[in-house]
PDB file of all heavy atoms in Angstrom:
ATOM      1  N   ARG A   1     118.672 139.350  87.335  1.00  0.00           N
ATOM      2  CA  ARG A   1     117.846 140.446  86.833  1.00  0.00           C
ATOM      3  C   ARG A   1     116.726 140.868  87.765  1.00  0.00           C
ATOM      4  O   ARG A   1     116.364 142.038  87.844  1.00  0.00           O
ATOM      5  CB  ARG A   1     117.223 140.041  85.499  1.00  0.00           C
ATOM      6  CG  ARG A   1     118.148 140.038  84.361  1.00  0.00           C
ATOM      7  CD  ARG A   1     117.414 139.780  83.067  1.00  0.00           C
ATOM      8  NE  ARG A   1     118.363 139.735  81.964  1.00  0.00           N
ATOM      9  CZ  ARG A   1     118.095 139.252  80.798  1.00  0.00           C
ATOM     10  NH1 ARG A   1     116.896 138.693  80.559  1.00  0.00           N
ATOM     11  NH2 ARG A   1     118.990 139.254  79.829  1.00  0.00           N
ATOM     12  N   HIS A   2     116.161 139.888  88.489  1.00  0.00           N
ATOM     13  CA  HIS A   2     114.903 140.173  89.198  1.00  0.00           C
ATOM     14  C   HIS A   2     114.933 139.918  90.700  1.00  0.00           C
ATOM     15  O   HIS A   2     114.217 140.582  91.441  1.00  0.00           O
ATOM     16  CB  HIS A   2     113.787 139.331  88.585  1.00  0.00           C
ATOM     17  CG  HIS A   2     113.647 139.463  87.121  1.00  0.00           C
ATOM     18  ND1 HIS A   2     113.258 140.622  86.494  1.00  0.00           N
ATOM     19  CD2 HIS A   2     113.837 138.576  86.125  1.00  0.00           C
ATOM     20  CE1 HIS A   2     113.236 140.436  85.179  1.00  0.00           C
ATOM     21  NE2 HIS A   2     113.568 139.204  84.923  1.00  0.00           N
ATOM     22  N   ALA A   3     115.677 138.931  91.155  1.00  0.00           N
ATOM     23  CA  ALA A   3     115.496 138.425  92.508  1.00  0.00           C
ATOM     24  C   ALA A   3     116.135 139.265  93.631  1.00  0.00           C
ATOM     25  O   ALA A   3     115.684 139.222  94.771  1.00  0.00           O
ATOM     26  CB  ALA A   3     116.014 136.995  92.625  1.00  0.00           C
ATOM     27  N   ARG A   4     117.183 140.000  93.280  1.00  0.00           N
ATOM     28  CA  ARG A   4     117.963 140.711  94.308  1.00  0.00           C
ATOM     29  C   ARG A   4     118.430 139.731  95.412  1.00  0.00           C
ATOM     30  O   ARG A   4     118.402 140.043  96.597  1.00  0.00           O
ATOM     31  CB  ARG A   4     117.151 141.852  94.913  1.00  0.00           C
ATOM     32  CG  ARG A   4     116.903 142.972  93.903  1.00  0.00           C
ATOM     33  CD  ARG A   4     116.295 144.155  94.596  1.00  0.00           C
ATOM     34  NE  ARG A   4     115.069 144.455  93.865  1.00  0.00           N
ATOM     35  CZ  ARG A   4     114.020 145.080  94.351  1.00  0.00           C
ATOM     36  NH1 ARG A   4     114.039 145.498  95.590  1.00  0.00           N
ATOM     37  NH2 ARG A   4     112.976 145.332  93.619  1.00  0.00           N
ATOM     38  N   ALA A   5     118.826 138.577  94.984  1.00  0.00           N
ATOM     39  CA  ALA A   5     119.276 137.533  95.915  1.00  0.00           C
ATOM     40  C   ALA A   5     120.678 137.784  96.409  1.00  0.00           C
ATOM     41  O   ALA A   5     121.504 138.363  95.689  1.00  0.00           O
ATOM     42  CB  ALA A   5     119.184 136.168  95.248  1.00  0.00           C
ATOM     43  N   THR A   6     120.954 137.385  97.618  1.00  0.00           N
ATOM     44  CA  THR A   6     122.339 137.414  98.117  1.00  0.00           C
ATOM     45  C   THR A   6     122.960 136.030  98.116  1.00  0.00           C
ATOM     46  O   THR A   6     124.174 135.888  98.228  1.00  0.00           O
ATOM     47  CB  THR A   6     122.386 137.978  99.564  1.00  0.00           C
ATOM     48  OG1 THR A   6     121.569 137.164 100.404  1.00  0.00           O
ATOM     49  CG2 THR A   6     121.874 139.410  99.609  1.00  0.00           C
ATOM     50  N   SER A   7     122.115 135.005  97.940  1.00  0.00           N
ATOM     51  CA  SER A   7     122.591 133.627  97.910  1.00  0.00           C
ATOM     52  C   SER A   7     121.754 132.805  96.948  1.00  0.00           C
ATOM     53  O   SER A   7     120.506 132.930  96.931  1.00  0.00           O
ATOM     54  CB  SER A   7     122.507 133.034  99.335  1.00  0.00           C
ATOM     55  OG  SER A   7     122.893 131.684  99.331  1.00  0.00           O
ATOM     56  N   ILE A   8     122.405 131.957  96.174  1.00  0.00           N
ATOM     57  CA  ILE A   8     121.721 131.059  95.254  1.00  0.00           C
ATOM     58  C   ILE A   8     122.329 129.659  95.433  1.00  0.00           C
ATOM     59  O   ILE A   8     123.552 129.526  95.451  1.00  0.00           O
ATOM     60  CB  ILE A   8     121.877 131.498  93.791  1.00  0.00           C
ATOM     61  CG1 ILE A   8     121.352 132.922  93.606  1.00  0.00           C
ATOM     62  CG2 ILE A   8     121.171 130.529  92.847  1.00  0.00           C
ATOM     63  CD1 ILE A   8     121.769 133.543  92.289  1.00  0.00           C
ATOM     64  N   ARG A   9     121.477 128.676  95.558  1.00  0.00           N
ATOM     65  CA  ARG A   9     121.942 127.291  95.734  1.00  0.00           C
ATOM     66  C   ARG A   9     121.476 126.492  94.537  1.00  0.00           C
ATOM     67  O   ARG A   9     120.270 126.425  94.224  1.00  0.00           O
ATOM     68  CB  ARG A   9     121.389 126.675  97.001  1.00  0.00           C
ATOM     69  CG  ARG A   9     121.847 125.271  97.254  1.00  0.00           C
ATOM     70  CD  ARG A   9     121.404 124.793  98.628  1.00  0.00           C
ATOM     71  NE  ARG A   9     121.925 123.490  98.877  1.00  0.00           N
ATOM     72  CZ  ARG A   9     121.202 122.374  98.776  1.00  0.00           C
ATOM     73  NH1 ARG A   9     119.926 122.410  98.489  1.00  0.00           N
ATOM     74  NH2 ARG A   9     121.761 121.195  99.019  1.00  0.00           N
ATOM     75  N   VAL A  10     122.418 125.847  93.837  1.00  0.00           N
ATOM     76  CA  VAL A  10     122.088 124.976  92.710  1.00  0.00           C
ATOM     77  C   VAL A  10     122.482 123.563  93.115  1.00  0.00           C
ATOM     78  O   VAL A  10     123.615 123.309  93.536  1.00  0.00           O
ATOM     79  CB  VAL A  10     122.878 125.398  91.437  1.00  0.00           C
ATOM     80  CG1 VAL A  10     122.565 124.460  90.279  1.00  0.00           C
ATOM     81  CG2 VAL A  10     122.551 126.826  91.062  1.00  0.00           C
ATOM     82  N   ALA A  11     121.528 122.648  93.011  1.00  0.00           N
ATOM     83  CA  ALA A  11     121.778 121.248  93.369  1.00  0.00           C
ATOM     84  C   ALA A  11     121.317 120.372  92.233  1.00  0.00           C
ATOM     85  O   ALA A  11     120.237 120.560  91.685  1.00  0.00           O
ATOM     86  CB  ALA A  11     121.050 120.890  94.647  1.00  0.00           C
ATOM     87  N   LEU A  12     122.161 119.382  91.878  1.00  0.00           N
ATOM     88  CA  LEU A  12     121.835 118.408  90.847  1.00  0.00           C
ATOM     89  C   LEU A  12     122.018 117.033  91.445  1.00  0.00           C
ATOM     90  O   LEU A  12     123.090 116.719  91.980  1.00  0.00           O
ATOM     91  CB  LEU A  12     122.735 118.607  89.633  1.00  0.00           C
ATOM     92  CG  LEU A  12     122.527 117.709  88.449  1.00  0.00           C
ATOM     93  CD1 LEU A  12     121.154 117.948  87.819  1.00  0.00           C
ATOM     94  CD2 LEU A  12     123.636 117.888  87.412  1.00  0.00           C
ATOM     95  N   HIS A  13     120.966 116.228  91.336  1.00  0.00           N
ATOM     96  CA  HIS A  13     121.024 114.869  91.890  1.00  0.00           C
ATOM     97  C   HIS A  13     120.581 113.911  90.808  1.00  0.00           C
ATOM     98  O   HIS A  13     119.512 114.054  90.241  1.00  0.00           O
ATOM     99  CB  HIS A  13     120.121 114.741  93.126  1.00  0.00           C
ATOM    100  CG  HIS A  13     120.017 113.342  93.619  1.00  0.00           C
ATOM    101  ND1 HIS A  13     121.073 112.713  94.271  1.00  0.00           N
ATOM    102  CD2 HIS A  13     119.022 112.444  93.566  1.00  0.00           C
ATOM    103  CE1 HIS A  13     120.700 111.459  94.577  1.00  0.00           C
ATOM    104  NE2 HIS A  13     119.479 111.298  94.167  1.00  0.00           N
ATOM    105  N   GLY A  14     121.425 112.947  90.512  1.00  0.00           N
ATOM    106  CA  GLY A  14     121.086 111.949  89.523  1.00  0.00           C
ATOM    107  C   GLY A  14     120.784 110.604  90.145  1.00  0.00           C
ATOM    108  O   GLY A  14     121.516 110.147  91.028  1.00  0.00           O
ATOM    109  N   ARG A  15     119.713 110.040  89.728  1.00  0.00           N
ATOM    110  CA  ARG A  15     119.374 108.637  90.089  1.00  0.00           C
ATOM    111  C   ARG A  15     119.399 107.824  88.819  1.00  0.00           C
ATOM    112  O   ARG A  15     119.534 108.368  87.726  1.00  0.00           O
ATOM    113  CB  ARG A  15     117.970 108.547  90.727  1.00  0.00           C
ATOM    114  CG  ARG A  15     117.871 109.159  92.070  1.00  0.00           C
ATOM    115  CD  ARG A  15     116.599 108.778  92.783  1.00  0.00           C
ATOM    116  NE  ARG A  15     115.452 108.580  91.899  1.00  0.00           N
ATOM    117  CZ  ARG A  15     114.183 108.855  92.189  1.00  0.00           C
ATOM    118  NH1 ARG A  15     113.901 109.367  93.356  1.00  0.00           N
ATOM    119  NH2 ARG A  15     113.228 108.593  91.327  1.00  0.00           N
ATOM    120  N   GLU A  16     119.252 106.543  88.924  1.00  0.00           N
ATOM    121  CA  GLU A  16     119.265 105.689  87.741  1.00  0.00           C
ATOM    122  C   GLU A  16     118.061 105.946  86.820  1.00  0.00           C
ATOM    123  O   GLU A  16     118.154 105.765  85.624  1.00  0.00           O
ATOM    124  CB  GLU A  16     119.287 104.218  88.127  1.00  0.00           C
ATOM    125  CG  GLU A  16     120.617 103.824  88.762  1.00  0.00           C
ATOM    126  CD  GLU A  16     120.673 102.359  89.150  1.00  0.00           C
ATOM    127  OE1 GLU A  16     119.724 101.627  88.792  1.00  0.00           O
ATOM    128  OE2 GLU A  16     121.641 101.973  89.772  1.00  0.00           O
ATOM    129  N   ASP A  17     116.987 106.479  87.385  1.00  0.00           N
ATOM    130  CA  ASP A  17     115.748 106.657  86.597  1.00  0.00           C
ATOM    131  C   ASP A  17     115.430 108.111  86.281  1.00  0.00           C
ATOM    132  O   ASP A  17     114.571 108.404  85.464  1.00  0.00           O
ATOM    133  CB  ASP A  17     114.569 106.034  87.306  1.00  0.00           C
ATOM    134  CG  ASP A  17     114.303 106.680  88.675  1.00  0.00           C
ATOM    135  OD1 ASP A  17     115.235 107.258  89.269  1.00  0.00           O
ATOM    136  OD2 ASP A  17     113.163 106.567  89.160  1.00  0.00           O
ATOM    137  N   ALA A  18     116.116 109.075  86.899  1.00  0.00           N
ATOM    138  CA  ALA A  18     115.806 110.477  86.694  1.00  0.00           C
ATOM    139  C   ALA A  18     116.915 111.376  87.210  1.00  0.00           C
ATOM    140  O   ALA A  18     117.738 110.936  88.033  1.00  0.00           O
ATOM    141  CB  ALA A  18     114.497 110.849  87.385  1.00  0.00           C
ATOM    142  N   VAL A  19     116.907 112.605  86.728  1.00  0.00           N
ATOM    143  CA  VAL A  19     117.811 113.605  87.245  1.00  0.00           C
ATOM    144  C   VAL A  19     116.974 114.748  87.823  1.00  0.00           C
ATOM    145  O   VAL A  19     115.938 115.079  87.278  1.00  0.00           O
ATOM    146  CB  VAL A  19     118.817 114.087  86.158  1.00  0.00           C
ATOM    147  CG1 VAL A  19     118.114 114.749  85.010  1.00  0.00           C
ATOM    148  CG2 VAL A  19     119.870 114.992  86.753  1.00  0.00           C
ATOM    149  N   PHE A  20     117.418 115.272  88.958  1.00  0.00           N
ATOM    150  CA  PHE A  20     116.682 116.320  89.659  1.00  0.00           C
ATOM    151  C   PHE A  20     117.557 117.549  89.805  1.00  0.00           C
ATOM    152  O   PHE A  20     118.709 117.444  90.194  1.00  0.00           O
ATOM    153  CB  PHE A  20     116.277 115.825  91.058  1.00  0.00           C
ATOM    154  CG  PHE A  20     115.411 114.609  91.027  1.00  0.00           C
ATOM    155  CD1 PHE A  20     115.995 113.356  91.052  1.00  0.00           C
ATOM    156  CD2 PHE A  20     114.040 114.715  90.980  1.00  0.00           C
ATOM    157  CE1 PHE A  20     115.197 112.196  90.991  1.00  0.00           C
ATOM    158  CE2 PHE A  20     113.247 113.568  90.948  1.00  0.00           C
ATOM    159  CZ  PHE A  20     113.832 112.320  90.938  1.00  0.00           C
ATOM    160  N   LEU A  21     116.990 118.689  89.495  1.00  0.00           N
ATOM    161  CA  LEU A  21     117.676 119.956  89.585  1.00  0.00           C
ATOM    162  C   LEU A  21     116.907 120.870  90.482  1.00  0.00           C
ATOM    163  O   LEU A  21     115.670 120.934  90.391  1.00  0.00           O
ATOM    164  CB  LEU A  21     117.821 120.579  88.194  1.00  0.00           C
ATOM    165  CG  LEU A  21     118.318 122.032  88.139  1.00  0.00           C
ATOM    166  CD1 LEU A  21     119.794 122.099  88.562  1.00  0.00           C
ATOM    167  CD2 LEU A  21     118.149 122.578  86.719  1.00  0.00           C
ATOM    168  N   SER A  22     117.607 121.594  91.349  1.00  0.00           N
ATOM    169  CA  SER A  22     116.969 122.580  92.206  1.00  0.00           C
ATOM    170  C   SER A  22     117.807 123.855  92.157  1.00  0.00           C
ATOM    171  O   SER A  22     119.035 123.793  92.264  1.00  0.00           O
ATOM    172  CB  SER A  22     116.906 122.070  93.636  1.00  0.00           C
ATOM    173  OG  SER A  22     116.477 123.097  94.522  1.00  0.00           O
ATOM    174  N   VAL A  23     117.149 125.000  91.940  1.00  0.00           N
ATOM    175  CA  VAL A  23     117.797 126.284  91.992  1.00  0.00           C
ATOM    176  C   VAL A  23     116.981 127.112  92.989  1.00  0.00           C
ATOM    177  O   VAL A  23     115.809 127.395  92.752  1.00  0.00           O
ATOM    178  CB  VAL A  23     117.863 126.995  90.633  1.00  0.00           C
ATOM    179  CG1 VAL A  23     118.583 128.341  90.770  1.00  0.00           C
ATOM    180  CG2 VAL A  23     118.560 126.105  89.595  1.00  0.00           C
ATOM    181  N   GLN A  24     117.606 127.455  94.095  1.00  0.00           N
ATOM    182  CA  GLN A  24     116.894 128.173  95.171  1.00  0.00           C
ATOM    183  C   GLN A  24     117.637 129.444  95.493  1.00  0.00           C
ATOM    184  O   GLN A  24     118.857 129.461  95.662  1.00  0.00           O
ATOM    185  CB  GLN A  24     116.846 127.251  96.410  1.00  0.00           C
ATOM    186  CG  GLN A  24     116.050 127.783  97.528  1.00  0.00           C
ATOM    187  CD  GLN A  24     115.890 126.734  98.644  1.00  0.00           C
ATOM    188  OE1 GLN A  24     116.620 125.764  98.710  1.00  0.00           O
ATOM    189  NE2 GLN A  24     114.959 126.975  99.524  1.00  0.00           N
ATOM    190  N   ASP A  25     116.877 130.540  95.612  1.00  0.00           N
ATOM    191  CA  ASP A  25     117.501 131.824  95.968  1.00  0.00           C
ATOM    192  C   ASP A  25     116.791 132.405  97.183  1.00  0.00           C
ATOM    193  O   ASP A  25     115.704 132.004  97.561  1.00  0.00           O
ATOM    194  CB  ASP A  25     117.455 132.805  94.780  1.00  0.00           C
ATOM    195  CG  ASP A  25     116.074 133.345  94.475  1.00  0.00           C
ATOM    196  OD1 ASP A  25     115.455 133.981  95.315  1.00  0.00           O
ATOM    197  OD2 ASP A  25     115.604 133.125  93.327  1.00  0.00           O
ATOM    198  N   ASP A  26     117.462 133.374  97.779  1.00  0.00           N
ATOM    199  CA  ASP A  26     116.912 134.071  98.942  1.00  0.00           C
ATOM    200  C   ASP A  26     116.469 135.484  98.616  1.00  0.00           C
ATOM    201  O   ASP A  26     116.481 136.379  99.447  1.00  0.00           O
ATOM    202  CB  ASP A  26     117.935 134.085 100.114  1.00  0.00           C
ATOM    203  CG  ASP A  26     119.159 134.912  99.789  1.00  0.00           C
ATOM    204  OD1 ASP A  26     119.309 135.369  98.626  1.00  0.00           O
ATOM    205  OD2 ASP A  26     119.982 135.081 100.697  1.00  0.00           O
ATOM    206  N   GLY A  27     116.021 135.678  97.376  1.00  0.00           N
ATOM    207  CA  GLY A  27     115.672 136.993  96.903  1.00  0.00           C
ATOM    208  C   GLY A  27     114.289 137.470  97.311  1.00  0.00           C
ATOM    209  O   GLY A  27     113.694 136.959  98.276  1.00  0.00           O
ATOM    210  N   ILE A  28     113.778 138.411  96.559  1.00  0.00           N
ATOM    211  CA  ILE A  28     112.507 139.069  96.912  1.00  0.00           C
ATOM    212  C   ILE A  28     111.291 138.213  96.608  1.00  0.00           C
ATOM    213  O   ILE A  28     110.191 138.524  97.027  1.00  0.00           O
ATOM    214  CB  ILE A  28     112.384 140.435  96.216  1.00  0.00           C
ATOM    215  CG1 ILE A  28     112.377 140.293  94.698  1.00  0.00           C
ATOM    216  CG2 ILE A  28     113.458 141.376  96.676  1.00  0.00           C
ATOM    217  CD1 ILE A  28     112.059 141.566  93.932  1.00  0.00           C
ATOM    218  N   GLY A  29     111.463 137.129  95.875  1.00  0.00           N
ATOM    219  CA  GLY A  29     110.358 136.232  95.576  1.00  0.00           C
ATOM    220  C   GLY A  29     109.395 136.837  94.554  1.00  0.00           C
ATOM    221  O   GLY A  29     109.614 137.903  94.023  1.00  0.00           O
ATOM    222  N   MET A  30     108.311 136.097  94.322  1.00  0.00           N
ATOM    223  CA  MET A  30     107.298 136.533  93.369  1.00  0.00           C
ATOM    224  C   MET A  30     105.924 136.393  94.006  1.00  0.00           C
ATOM    225  O   MET A  30     105.672 135.428  94.764  1.00  0.00           O
ATOM    226  CB  MET A  30     107.322 135.651  92.112  1.00  0.00           C
ATOM    227  CG  MET A  30     108.568 135.801  91.285  1.00  0.00           C
ATOM    228  SD  MET A  30     108.489 134.863  89.736  1.00  0.00           S
ATOM    229  CE  MET A  30     108.835 133.202  90.317  1.00  0.00           C
ATOM    230  N   SER A  31     105.055 137.305  93.661  1.00  0.00           N
ATOM    231  CA  SER A  31     103.658 137.190  94.108  1.00  0.00           C
ATOM    232  C   SER A  31     102.938 136.166  93.256  1.00  0.00           C
ATOM    233  O   SER A  31     103.442 135.728  92.230  1.00  0.00           O
ATOM    234  CB  SER A  31     102.985 138.550  93.984  1.00  0.00           C
ATOM    235  OG  SER A  31     102.848 138.908  92.617  1.00  0.00           O
ATOM    236  N   GLU A  32     101.712 135.812  93.659  1.00  0.00           N
ATOM    237  CA  GLU A  32     100.913 134.894  92.876  1.00  0.00           C
ATOM    238  C   GLU A  32     100.644 135.446  91.481  1.00  0.00           C
ATOM    239  O   GLU A  32     100.645 134.690  90.513  1.00  0.00           O
ATOM    240  CB  GLU A  32      99.609 134.565  93.605  1.00  0.00           C
ATOM    241  CG  GLU A  32      99.834 133.676  94.800  1.00  0.00           C
ATOM    242  CD  GLU A  32      98.510 133.228  95.437  1.00  0.00           C
ATOM    243  OE1 GLU A  32      97.503 133.089  94.697  1.00  0.00           O
ATOM    244  OE2 GLU A  32      98.496 133.056  96.647  1.00  0.00           O
ATOM    245  N   ALA A  33     100.419 136.734  91.381  1.00  0.00           N
ATOM    246  CA  ALA A  33     100.157 137.351  90.068  1.00  0.00           C
ATOM    247  C   ALA A  33     101.387 137.271  89.175  1.00  0.00           C
ATOM    248  O   ALA A  33     101.285 136.959  87.980  1.00  0.00           O
ATOM    249  CB  ALA A  33      99.750 138.821  90.238  1.00  0.00           C
ATOM    250  N   GLU A  34     102.565 137.476  89.752  1.00  0.00           N
ATOM    251  CA  GLU A  34     103.805 137.364  88.971  1.00  0.00           C
ATOM    252  C   GLU A  34     104.036 135.920  88.532  1.00  0.00           C
ATOM    253  O   GLU A  34     104.515 135.659  87.440  1.00  0.00           O
ATOM    254  CB  GLU A  34     104.984 137.868  89.776  1.00  0.00           C
ATOM    255  CG  GLU A  34     104.978 139.359  89.988  1.00  0.00           C
ATOM    256  CD  GLU A  34     106.021 139.817  90.988  1.00  0.00           C
ATOM    257  OE1 GLU A  34     106.148 139.169  92.040  1.00  0.00           O
ATOM    258  OE2 GLU A  34     106.673 140.838  90.698  1.00  0.00           O
ATOM    259  N   MET A  35     103.700 134.978  89.409  1.00  0.00           N
ATOM    260  CA  MET A  35     103.847 133.551  89.081  1.00  0.00           C
ATOM    261  C   MET A  35     102.907 133.174  87.913  1.00  0.00           C
ATOM    262  O   MET A  35     103.276 132.397  87.057  1.00  0.00           O
ATOM    263  CB  MET A  35     103.538 132.682  90.296  1.00  0.00           C
ATOM    264  CG  MET A  35     104.510 132.845  91.420  1.00  0.00           C
ATOM    265  SD  MET A  35     105.915 131.767  91.305  1.00  0.00           S
ATOM    266  CE  MET A  35     105.160 130.181  91.472  1.00  0.00           C
ATOM    267  N   ALA A  36     101.717 133.738  87.914  1.00  0.00           N
ATOM    268  CA  ALA A  36     100.719 133.421  86.875  1.00  0.00           C
ATOM    269  C   ALA A  36     101.155 133.994  85.530  1.00  0.00           C
ATOM    270  O   ALA A  36     100.886 133.406  84.486  1.00  0.00           O
ATOM    271  CB  ALA A  36      99.358 133.947  87.260  1.00  0.00           C
ATOM    272  N   GLY A  37     101.798 135.121  85.528  1.00  0.00           N
ATOM    273  CA  GLY A  37     102.237 135.772  84.291  1.00  0.00           C
ATOM    274  C   GLY A  37     103.664 135.390  83.933  1.00  0.00           C
ATOM    275  O   GLY A  37     104.552 136.206  83.875  1.00  0.00           O
ATOM    276  N   ARG A  38     103.883 134.128  83.723  1.00  0.00           N
ATOM    277  CA  ARG A  38     105.201 133.604  83.426  1.00  0.00           C
ATOM    278  C   ARG A  38     105.811 134.259  82.157  1.00  0.00           C
ATOM    279  O   ARG A  38     105.153 134.335  81.148  1.00  0.00           O
ATOM    280  CB  ARG A  38     105.178 132.088  83.236  1.00  0.00           C
ATOM    281  CG  ARG A  38     104.795 131.364  84.490  1.00  0.00           C
ATOM    282  CD  ARG A  38     104.636 129.881  84.229  1.00  0.00           C
ATOM    283  NE  ARG A  38     104.099 129.217  85.381  1.00  0.00           N
ATOM    284  CZ  ARG A  38     104.818 128.409  86.180  1.00  0.00           C
ATOM    285  NH1 ARG A  38     106.066 128.179  85.919  1.00  0.00           N
ATOM    286  NH2 ARG A  38     104.249 127.858  87.221  1.00  0.00           N
TER     287      ARG A  38
END
């Protein structure tokens, strides 16, 4: 809807004590004001 990304990387890593998820895109990003207005 918002990023205008051409590439998105989803990574899931599980350890015995936690699971880690990363979703990274190469889109237009967000300004600090946009980040504050979640």
